[in-house]
Protein backbone atom coordinates (compact mmCIF):
# COMPACT_ATOMS: atom_id res chain seq x y z
CA MET A 1 -12.79 10.14 -5.91
CA VAL A 2 -11.07 13.06 -4.16
CA ASP A 3 -10.92 16.54 -5.50
CA SER A 4 -7.72 18.44 -5.34
CA PRO A 5 -7.03 22.14 -4.65
CA SER A 6 -7.26 24.29 -7.77
CA GLU A 7 -3.85 25.58 -8.80
CA HIS A 8 -2.60 25.89 -12.37
CA HIS A 9 0.64 24.08 -13.21
CA GLY A 10 1.61 24.65 -16.85
CA SER A 11 0.51 22.03 -19.41
CA ASN A 12 -3.13 22.23 -20.56
CA VAL A 13 -3.17 18.59 -21.85
CA ASN A 14 -5.78 16.38 -20.20
CA PHE A 15 -4.93 12.76 -19.41
CA SER A 16 -4.94 10.16 -16.68
CA PHE A 17 -2.23 7.77 -15.54
CA LEU A 18 -1.89 4.65 -13.41
CA HIS A 19 0.14 4.66 -10.19
CA ALA A 20 0.83 1.26 -8.67
CA ALA A 21 3.44 -0.15 -6.29
CA ASP A 22 4.37 -3.18 -4.24
CA LEU A 23 3.02 -5.90 -6.48
CA HIS A 24 5.22 -8.48 -4.72
CA LEU A 25 4.66 -11.04 -7.42
CA GLY A 26 5.87 -14.44 -6.26
CA SER A 27 5.24 -13.67 -2.60
CA PRO A 28 3.86 -16.50 -0.47
CA LEU A 29 0.71 -15.85 1.59
CA LEU A 30 1.64 -15.98 5.25
CA GLY A 31 -0.14 -17.66 8.14
CA LEU A 32 -2.93 -19.28 6.15
CA SER A 33 -3.70 -22.87 7.00
CA VAL A 34 -6.55 -24.02 4.75
CA LYS A 35 -7.14 -27.75 4.55
CA ASP A 36 -8.67 -27.69 1.06
CA PRO A 37 -5.76 -27.72 -1.43
CA GLU A 38 -7.86 -26.01 -4.16
CA ILE A 39 -8.65 -23.09 -1.85
CA ALA A 40 -5.00 -22.90 -0.85
CA ARG A 41 -4.08 -22.69 -4.56
CA ARG A 42 -6.58 -19.90 -5.17
CA PHE A 43 -5.12 -17.85 -2.34
CA ALA A 44 -1.60 -18.56 -3.63
CA THR A 45 -2.42 -17.13 -7.07
CA ALA A 46 -4.20 -14.05 -5.68
CA SER A 47 -1.38 -11.61 -6.47
CA ARG A 48 -1.35 -12.69 -10.12
CA GLU A 49 -5.09 -12.39 -10.43
CA ALA A 50 -4.90 -8.89 -8.91
CA PHE A 51 -2.22 -7.83 -11.40
CA ARG A 52 -4.31 -9.15 -14.33
CA ALA A 53 -7.28 -7.17 -13.01
CA LEU A 54 -5.10 -4.09 -12.72
CA ILE A 55 -4.06 -4.28 -16.37
CA ASP A 56 -7.73 -4.72 -17.34
CA ARG A 57 -8.66 -1.64 -15.34
CA ALA A 58 -5.85 0.48 -16.79
CA ILE A 59 -6.85 -0.44 -20.38
CA SER A 60 -10.53 0.23 -19.75
CA ALA A 61 -9.70 3.56 -18.15
CA LYS A 62 -7.58 4.48 -21.19
CA VAL A 63 -4.65 5.71 -19.10
CA ALA A 64 -1.98 7.58 -21.02
CA PHE A 65 0.88 5.86 -19.17
CA ALA A 66 1.62 3.80 -16.03
CA VAL A 67 4.07 4.29 -13.16
CA ILE A 68 5.14 1.41 -10.87
CA ALA A 69 6.96 2.61 -7.75
CA GLY A 70 9.00 -0.41 -6.85
CA ASP A 71 8.75 -3.96 -5.50
CA ILE A 72 7.28 -5.63 -8.57
CA TYR A 73 8.76 -8.85 -7.25
CA ASP A 74 9.10 -10.20 -3.74
CA GLY A 75 12.70 -11.19 -4.17
CA GLU A 76 14.92 -13.39 -6.29
CA TRP A 77 12.96 -15.73 -8.58
CA LYS A 78 13.15 -19.50 -8.13
CA ASP A 79 12.77 -19.68 -11.88
CA ASN A 80 11.73 -17.35 -14.71
CA THR A 81 8.00 -18.04 -14.34
CA VAL A 82 7.26 -14.91 -12.31
CA GLY A 83 9.31 -12.68 -14.66
CA LEU A 84 7.58 -14.13 -17.70
CA PHE A 85 4.15 -13.59 -16.14
CA PHE A 86 4.89 -9.90 -15.41
CA ASN A 87 6.24 -9.32 -18.93
CA ARG A 88 3.26 -11.03 -20.54
CA GLU A 89 0.79 -8.90 -18.62
CA ILE A 90 2.66 -5.61 -18.95
CA SER A 91 2.86 -6.25 -22.73
CA ARG A 92 -0.89 -5.94 -22.86
CA LEU A 93 -0.45 -2.30 -21.85
CA THR A 94 2.40 -1.53 -24.22
CA ARG A 95 0.54 -3.07 -27.13
CA GLU A 96 -2.21 -0.51 -26.39
CA GLY A 97 0.40 2.24 -26.72
CA VAL A 98 0.63 2.82 -22.96
CA PRO A 99 4.26 3.36 -21.83
CA VAL A 100 5.29 2.03 -18.42
CA TYR A 101 7.86 3.66 -16.09
CA ILE A 102 9.38 1.50 -13.36
CA ILE A 103 11.73 1.92 -10.44
CA LYS A 104 13.17 -0.99 -8.48
CA GLY A 105 12.46 -1.11 -4.76
CA ASN A 106 14.20 -2.87 -1.90
CA HIS A 107 12.61 -6.24 -2.77
CA ASP A 108 13.60 -6.18 -6.42
CA ALA A 109 16.86 -4.17 -6.22
CA GLU A 110 19.57 -5.12 -8.71
CA SER A 111 21.51 -6.87 -5.95
CA VAL A 112 18.45 -9.02 -5.11
CA VAL A 113 16.75 -9.99 -8.44
CA THR A 114 19.55 -11.08 -10.74
CA LYS A 115 17.51 -13.12 -13.24
CA THR A 116 16.03 -11.24 -16.17
CA VAL A 117 13.78 -11.67 -19.20
CA PRO A 118 13.65 -9.23 -22.13
CA LYS A 119 11.34 -6.34 -21.36
CA PRO A 120 8.85 -5.24 -24.00
CA ASP A 121 9.25 -1.98 -25.93
CA GLY A 122 7.61 0.85 -24.11
CA VAL A 123 8.87 -0.17 -20.65
CA THR A 124 11.40 2.15 -19.07
CA VAL A 125 13.31 1.05 -15.92
CA PHE A 126 15.09 3.86 -14.14
CA GLY A 127 18.77 3.44 -13.49
CA THR A 128 20.50 2.93 -10.14
CA ARG A 129 23.37 5.41 -10.39
CA LYS A 130 21.42 8.63 -9.95
CA ALA A 131 17.96 10.08 -10.45
CA GLU A 132 16.89 10.20 -14.07
CA THR A 133 14.25 12.14 -15.97
CA HIS A 134 12.23 10.71 -18.86
CA ARG A 135 9.96 12.98 -20.85
CA ILE A 136 6.62 12.23 -22.49
CA GLU A 137 6.79 14.94 -25.10
CA HIS A 138 3.24 15.04 -26.43
CA LEU A 139 1.80 15.25 -22.88
CA LYS A 140 4.49 17.58 -21.54
CA VAL A 141 5.07 15.19 -18.66
CA ALA A 142 8.43 14.68 -16.94
CA VAL A 143 8.86 11.50 -14.93
CA HIS A 144 11.77 11.53 -12.41
CA GLY A 145 12.90 8.29 -10.73
CA TRP A 146 15.77 6.32 -9.21
CA SER A 147 15.96 2.51 -8.77
CA TYR A 148 17.50 0.73 -5.80
CA GLU A 149 20.89 -0.86 -6.47
CA ASP A 150 21.07 -2.54 -3.03
CA ARG A 151 18.27 -3.66 -0.79
CA ALA A 152 19.58 -1.90 2.32
CA THR A 153 19.26 1.75 1.33
CA ALA A 154 19.35 4.27 4.14
CA ALA A 155 20.11 7.41 2.15
CA ASP A 156 17.42 9.96 1.24
CA PHE A 157 17.21 9.55 -2.52
CA SER A 158 14.82 12.46 -2.89
CA LEU A 159 17.56 15.01 -2.06
CA SER A 160 19.17 14.34 -5.43
CA TYR A 161 16.07 14.40 -7.60
CA PRO A 162 16.30 17.05 -10.36
CA ALA A 163 14.47 20.31 -10.40
CA ALA A 164 10.98 20.35 -11.97
CA VAL A 165 10.78 20.99 -15.73
CA PRO A 166 9.11 24.42 -15.98
CA GLY A 167 5.68 24.42 -17.62
CA TRP A 168 5.45 20.59 -17.59
CA PHE A 169 3.61 18.19 -15.31
CA ASN A 170 6.32 16.67 -13.08
CA ILE A 171 6.04 13.28 -11.38
CA GLY A 172 8.54 11.95 -8.84
CA VAL A 173 8.66 8.20 -8.50
CA LEU A 174 10.19 7.07 -5.19
CA HIS A 175 10.27 3.89 -3.10
CA SER A 176 10.63 5.31 0.39
CA SER A 177 9.56 5.53 4.00
CA CYS A 178 8.13 9.04 3.94
CA GLU A 179 7.57 10.38 7.42
CA GLY A 180 5.66 8.74 10.18
CA LYS A 181 6.24 5.36 11.67
CA SER A 182 4.88 2.09 10.30
CA ALA A 183 5.36 -1.67 10.52
CA HIS A 184 7.58 -1.53 7.47
CA ALA A 185 11.36 -1.28 7.70
CA THR A 186 12.80 2.13 6.95
CA TYR A 187 14.31 2.53 3.50
CA ALA A 188 15.37 5.77 1.74
CA PRO A 189 13.52 7.95 4.33
CA CYS A 190 12.34 11.39 3.28
CA SER A 191 9.93 14.11 4.42
CA VAL A 192 6.87 15.76 2.96
CA GLN A 193 8.65 19.08 3.25
CA GLU A 194 11.63 17.83 1.22
CA LEU A 195 9.41 16.34 -1.47
CA SER A 196 7.33 19.49 -1.69
CA SER A 197 10.45 21.64 -2.25
CA HIS A 198 11.01 20.00 -5.68
CA GLU A 199 7.80 21.68 -6.95
CA TYR A 200 6.60 18.53 -8.69
CA GLN A 201 2.85 18.18 -9.08
CA TYR A 202 2.71 14.55 -8.02
CA TRP A 203 4.87 12.15 -6.04
CA ALA A 204 4.21 8.47 -6.81
CA LEU A 205 5.49 6.61 -3.74
CA GLY A 206 5.92 2.92 -2.97
CA HIS A 207 6.98 0.75 0.00
CA ILE A 208 4.12 1.35 2.50
CA HIS A 209 1.43 -1.26 2.01
CA GLU A 210 -1.46 1.07 2.92
CA HIS A 211 -3.18 3.63 0.74
CA LYS A 212 -2.20 7.03 2.10
CA VAL A 213 -2.43 10.61 0.80
CA LEU A 214 0.32 12.47 2.65
CA SER A 215 -0.27 15.79 0.93
CA ARG A 216 -2.62 17.37 -1.65
CA ASP A 217 -0.37 20.31 -2.54
CA PRO A 218 1.62 18.77 -4.05
CA TRP A 219 0.00 15.37 -4.19
CA ILE A 220 2.13 12.80 -2.31
CA VAL A 221 0.46 9.38 -2.54
CA TYR A 222 1.02 5.78 -1.49
CA PRO A 223 -1.34 3.54 -3.50
CA GLY A 224 -0.83 0.65 -1.09
CA ASN A 225 0.05 -2.87 -2.18
CA LEU A 226 -1.91 -4.67 -4.87
CA GLN A 227 -2.85 -7.71 -2.90
CA GLY A 228 -2.93 -8.35 0.88
CA ARG A 229 -0.58 -11.20 1.83
CA SER A 230 -1.38 -11.84 5.46
CA VAL A 231 -3.70 -10.75 8.25
CA ARG A 232 -1.31 -7.84 8.78
CA GLU A 233 -2.58 -6.40 5.49
CA CYS A 234 -6.34 -6.26 5.89
CA GLY A 235 -8.89 -4.47 3.82
CA ALA A 236 -9.28 -3.47 0.19
CA LYS A 237 -6.07 -3.34 -1.89
CA GLY A 238 -5.19 -1.94 -5.31
CA ALA A 239 -3.61 1.06 -7.01
CA VAL A 240 -4.72 4.59 -7.95
CA ILE A 241 -5.70 6.28 -11.24
CA VAL A 242 -4.75 9.93 -11.33
CA GLU A 243 -6.76 12.37 -13.45
CA VAL A 244 -4.88 15.50 -14.71
CA ARG A 245 -6.70 18.48 -16.21
CA ASP A 246 -5.03 21.68 -17.38
CA GLY A 247 -1.79 20.76 -15.70
CA GLU A 248 -3.16 19.97 -12.28
CA VAL A 249 -4.35 16.91 -10.46
CA ARG A 250 -8.09 16.90 -10.41
CA ALA A 251 -8.72 13.52 -8.84
CA VAL A 252 -7.01 10.48 -7.37
CA GLU A 253 -9.27 7.44 -7.58
CA ARG A 254 -8.56 4.12 -6.01
CA ALA A 255 -8.65 1.08 -8.34
CA ILE A 256 -9.47 -1.86 -6.05
CA VAL A 257 -8.32 -5.05 -7.79
CA ASP A 258 -7.49 -7.57 -5.04
CA SER A 259 -8.85 -11.05 -5.62
CA ALA A 260 -8.47 -12.22 -2.06
CA ARG A 261 -8.85 -10.21 1.12
CA TRP A 262 -7.80 -10.50 4.77
CA ALA A 263 -9.75 -9.34 7.77
CA ALA A 264 -9.83 -9.77 11.53
CA ILE A 265 -12.67 -9.54 13.98
CA THR A 266 -12.74 -9.61 17.79
CA VAL A 267 -15.70 -11.06 19.65
CA ASP A 268 -16.20 -10.39 23.35
CA VAL A 269 -17.81 -13.50 24.83
CA SER A 270 -17.78 -12.41 28.48
CA SER A 271 -21.57 -12.33 28.68
CA LEU A 272 -22.17 -15.60 26.84
CA THR A 273 -22.92 -18.93 28.53
CA THR A 274 -22.96 -21.52 25.69
CA GLU A 275 -20.85 -22.46 22.70
CA THR A 276 -23.92 -21.93 20.47
CA GLU A 277 -24.07 -18.34 21.68
CA VAL A 278 -20.39 -17.93 20.83
CA THR A 279 -20.76 -19.09 17.26
CA ALA A 280 -23.89 -16.92 16.82
CA ALA A 281 -21.90 -13.90 18.07
CA VAL A 282 -19.10 -14.67 15.62
CA ARG A 283 -21.57 -14.86 12.77
CA LYS A 284 -23.12 -11.48 13.68
CA GLU A 285 -19.74 -9.78 13.88
CA ALA A 286 -18.57 -11.35 10.62
CA GLU A 287 -21.61 -10.22 8.63
CA SER A 288 -20.60 -6.59 8.44
CA THR A 289 -17.04 -7.52 7.43
CA ILE A 290 -18.26 -9.74 4.65
CA ALA A 291 -20.89 -7.29 3.37
CA ASP A 292 -18.74 -5.71 0.58
CA LEU A 293 -16.67 -8.80 -0.30
CA GLY A 294 -18.34 -9.57 -3.63
CA GLU A 295 -16.86 -12.69 -5.21
CA ARG A 296 -13.50 -12.38 -3.53
CA LEU A 297 -11.95 -14.94 -1.22
CA LEU A 298 -11.72 -13.85 2.39
CA ALA A 299 -9.29 -15.11 4.99
CA LEU A 300 -10.73 -14.14 8.38
CA ARG A 301 -9.03 -14.25 11.73
CA VAL A 302 -11.45 -14.59 14.65
CA THR A 303 -10.36 -13.68 18.15
CA LEU A 304 -12.45 -14.50 21.21
CA THR A 305 -11.91 -12.29 24.25
CA GLY A 306 -13.42 -11.68 27.66
CA GLU A 307 -13.51 -13.15 31.14
CA THR A 308 -15.88 -16.08 30.86
CA SER A 309 -16.88 -19.28 32.54
CA LEU A 310 -16.58 -20.91 29.10
CA HIS A 311 -12.78 -20.36 29.04
CA ASP A 312 -11.74 -23.92 29.86
CA ARG A 313 -14.36 -25.44 27.52
CA LEU A 314 -13.42 -23.22 24.63
CA ARG A 315 -9.77 -24.09 24.94
CA ALA A 316 -10.37 -27.81 25.41
CA ALA A 317 -12.61 -28.00 22.36
CA ALA A 318 -10.52 -25.72 20.16
CA SER A 319 -10.52 -28.07 17.14
CA THR A 320 -14.25 -28.65 17.22
CA LEU A 321 -14.85 -24.92 17.77
CA ARG A 322 -12.77 -24.05 14.72
CA ASP A 323 -14.93 -26.30 12.55
CA GLU A 324 -18.11 -24.75 13.99
CA VAL A 325 -16.87 -21.22 13.36
CA GLN A 326 -15.88 -22.17 9.81
CA ALA A 327 -19.35 -23.56 9.25
CA VAL A 328 -21.13 -20.39 10.35
CA LEU A 329 -18.80 -18.25 8.22
CA HIS A 330 -19.81 -20.29 5.17
CA HIS A 331 -23.45 -19.64 6.10
CA VAL A 332 -22.77 -15.94 5.51
CA HIS A 333 -20.42 -16.24 2.45
CA GLU A 334 -19.24 -19.39 0.71
CA ASP A 335 -15.69 -18.11 0.12
CA THR A 336 -14.92 -16.94 3.66
CA TRP A 337 -12.25 -19.13 5.22
CA LEU A 338 -11.06 -19.14 8.78
CA GLU A 339 -7.43 -17.98 8.77
CA LYS A 340 -7.04 -18.59 12.50
CA LEU A 341 -9.16 -18.91 15.60
CA GLU A 342 -7.58 -17.35 18.67
CA VAL A 343 -9.06 -18.03 22.10
CA ARG A 344 -7.79 -15.19 24.27
CA THR A 345 -10.39 -15.54 26.93
CA SER A 346 -9.62 -15.83 30.63
CA ALA A 347 -11.32 -17.68 33.45
CA PRO A 348 -13.13 -15.66 36.09
CA LEU A 349 -10.87 -14.91 39.07
CA GLU A 350 -11.92 -15.89 42.55
CA PRO A 351 -12.73 -12.97 44.85
CA GLN A 352 -9.55 -13.56 46.86
CA GLU A 353 -7.54 -13.42 43.71
CA ARG A 354 -9.01 -10.08 42.74
CA ALA A 355 -8.30 -8.35 46.04
CA LEU A 356 -4.55 -7.88 46.24
CA GLY A 357 -3.94 -5.52 49.13
CA GLY A 358 -7.12 -3.64 48.20
CA LEU A 359 -6.05 -3.42 44.53
CA ASP A 360 -7.90 -5.02 41.65
CA PRO A 361 -5.46 -5.86 38.85
CA ILE A 362 -8.19 -6.70 36.44
CA ALA A 363 -9.79 -3.27 36.85
CA MET A 364 -6.43 -1.51 36.82
CA LEU A 365 -5.50 -3.08 33.48
CA ALA A 366 -8.95 -2.68 31.90
CA GLY A 367 -8.85 -0.48 28.83
CA LEU A 368 -5.07 -0.43 28.53
CA THR A 369 -5.12 -2.36 25.24
CA ASP A 370 -7.31 0.44 23.83
CA ASP A 371 -4.97 3.19 24.94
CA ILE A 372 -3.81 4.82 21.68
CA GLU A 373 -0.56 6.25 23.06
CA LEU A 374 0.31 2.95 24.74
CA ARG A 375 -0.40 0.98 21.53
CA GLN A 376 1.75 3.42 19.48
CA SER A 377 4.63 3.13 21.98
CA ALA A 378 4.38 -0.68 21.97
CA GLY A 379 4.32 -0.66 18.14
CA GLU A 380 7.46 1.49 18.01
CA ILE A 381 9.30 -0.82 20.44
CA VAL A 382 8.34 -3.92 18.45
CA GLY A 383 9.28 -2.18 15.17
CA THR A 384 12.70 -1.23 16.52
CA LEU A 385 13.31 -4.81 17.69
CA LEU A 386 12.27 -6.27 14.34
CA GLU A 387 14.62 -3.92 12.44
CA LYS A 388 17.52 -5.47 14.38
CA LEU A 389 16.44 -9.02 13.56
CA PRO A 390 16.82 -10.86 10.25
CA GLN A 391 14.26 -9.87 7.56
CA SER A 392 12.35 -13.15 7.91
CA PHE A 393 11.27 -12.20 11.46
CA SER A 394 9.34 -9.15 10.14
CA GLU A 395 7.05 -11.52 8.21
CA VAL A 396 6.03 -13.58 11.29
CA PRO A 397 2.42 -12.51 12.03
CA GLU A 398 2.62 -13.23 15.78
CA LEU A 399 5.56 -10.81 16.21
CA ASN A 400 3.62 -8.03 14.53
CA ASP A 401 0.28 -8.48 16.24
CA ILE A 402 0.12 -5.71 18.83
CA ASP A 403 -3.27 -6.85 20.06
CA MET A 404 -2.00 -10.35 20.81
CA LEU A 405 1.26 -9.12 22.39
CA MET A 406 -0.57 -6.69 24.67
CA ALA A 407 -3.14 -9.31 25.67
CA GLU A 408 -0.36 -11.77 26.54
CA ALA A 409 1.42 -9.08 28.56
CA ARG A 410 -1.81 -8.30 30.45
CA SER A 411 -2.34 -12.02 31.19
CA LEU A 412 1.26 -12.34 32.42
CA VAL A 413 0.90 -9.38 34.79
CA VAL A 414 -2.34 -10.75 36.24
CA ALA A 415 -0.83 -14.23 36.61
CA ARG A 416 2.32 -12.90 38.36
CA ALA A 417 0.17 -10.69 40.64
CA THR A 418 -2.17 -13.49 41.67
CA ALA A 419 0.81 -15.89 42.13
CA GLY A 420 2.43 -13.36 44.44
CA LYS A 421 -0.73 -13.10 46.54
CA ALA A 422 -0.91 -16.92 46.87
CA VAL A 423 2.55 -16.92 48.36
């Protein structure tokens, strides 16, 4: 729980509300190749289980209302199943007298999701023509929002949001890329300065799949997505519950509800001499990652790195090694599943290969993959390229894995350098 600065903002009614975003119901999990069909099914239903858990959490917390800042769905439905599921679960809130306020994001814009099912009483979906304000009279809360009409939205919606209602607690609901660069495509970009100028007490943002607090005066918050969908979305996922006392935000508490989790570990095997030592090192590295998992499923990517004499054996026995790594992961936690095993080791270079005109390419390139500025620049270049490609390319894990791309670039440079020396 995080305490906010103390500043009075009108209403003296005390309440809490739920802020969620990016549910992506109906989204497939990407990059997971589990042989057991039952385990694959459990991963596939993770987003639904997370949403059920979120409704349970909201009811137990006795929230006064809920705000969903876009991307309830992942796109057009194949059938009405996903829409019926959402309406059934959200009705659990409305039956408790908890109103729900929704904006449509780029994934569930009116031009994308055309199928509908009747929404329950107590659910308000903001329009697409302009920013609207809906008031919760007994709480003196004004909720301002604007839904996407089209998926590709480059305009800054926030510029047209109305002025704050004086003496009320004002919430802006916006699906947007707010400042800073990320792996997500840029939609409805805005700035912290612009949002702050509206004098709202809280901005409920959506679109970025990480929990971020961009400002505490006013509060500008991304809750992150509800459920990780690939190894690009590692760590705990959920929403936030916001506590309001005497017209000001007193706390923003994360509500972690994911039912499956993704993680990635890297194991340096350069000092190891046997496959048994490799699997033991993987187990040791995995233990800390698995420590707070609870009863959740975990999809774990394991990457082996380092210059090692085991290189050829590790690559030749990749299938057997995968099974051995999976076995040691189950020794630690029964529901940890190997998402992918990547062998990015290299064979030791001969002395003559290292000395290229007095230069050592291995030493020269050492540490480059840990250079923060270089990684940021590489990420920006990849992000720019992906924005120019069809949407489906942005979901390919290999095209978004900076570690892998930089490691391959390093290997290519070394290979070219040593080939040049041979000539």
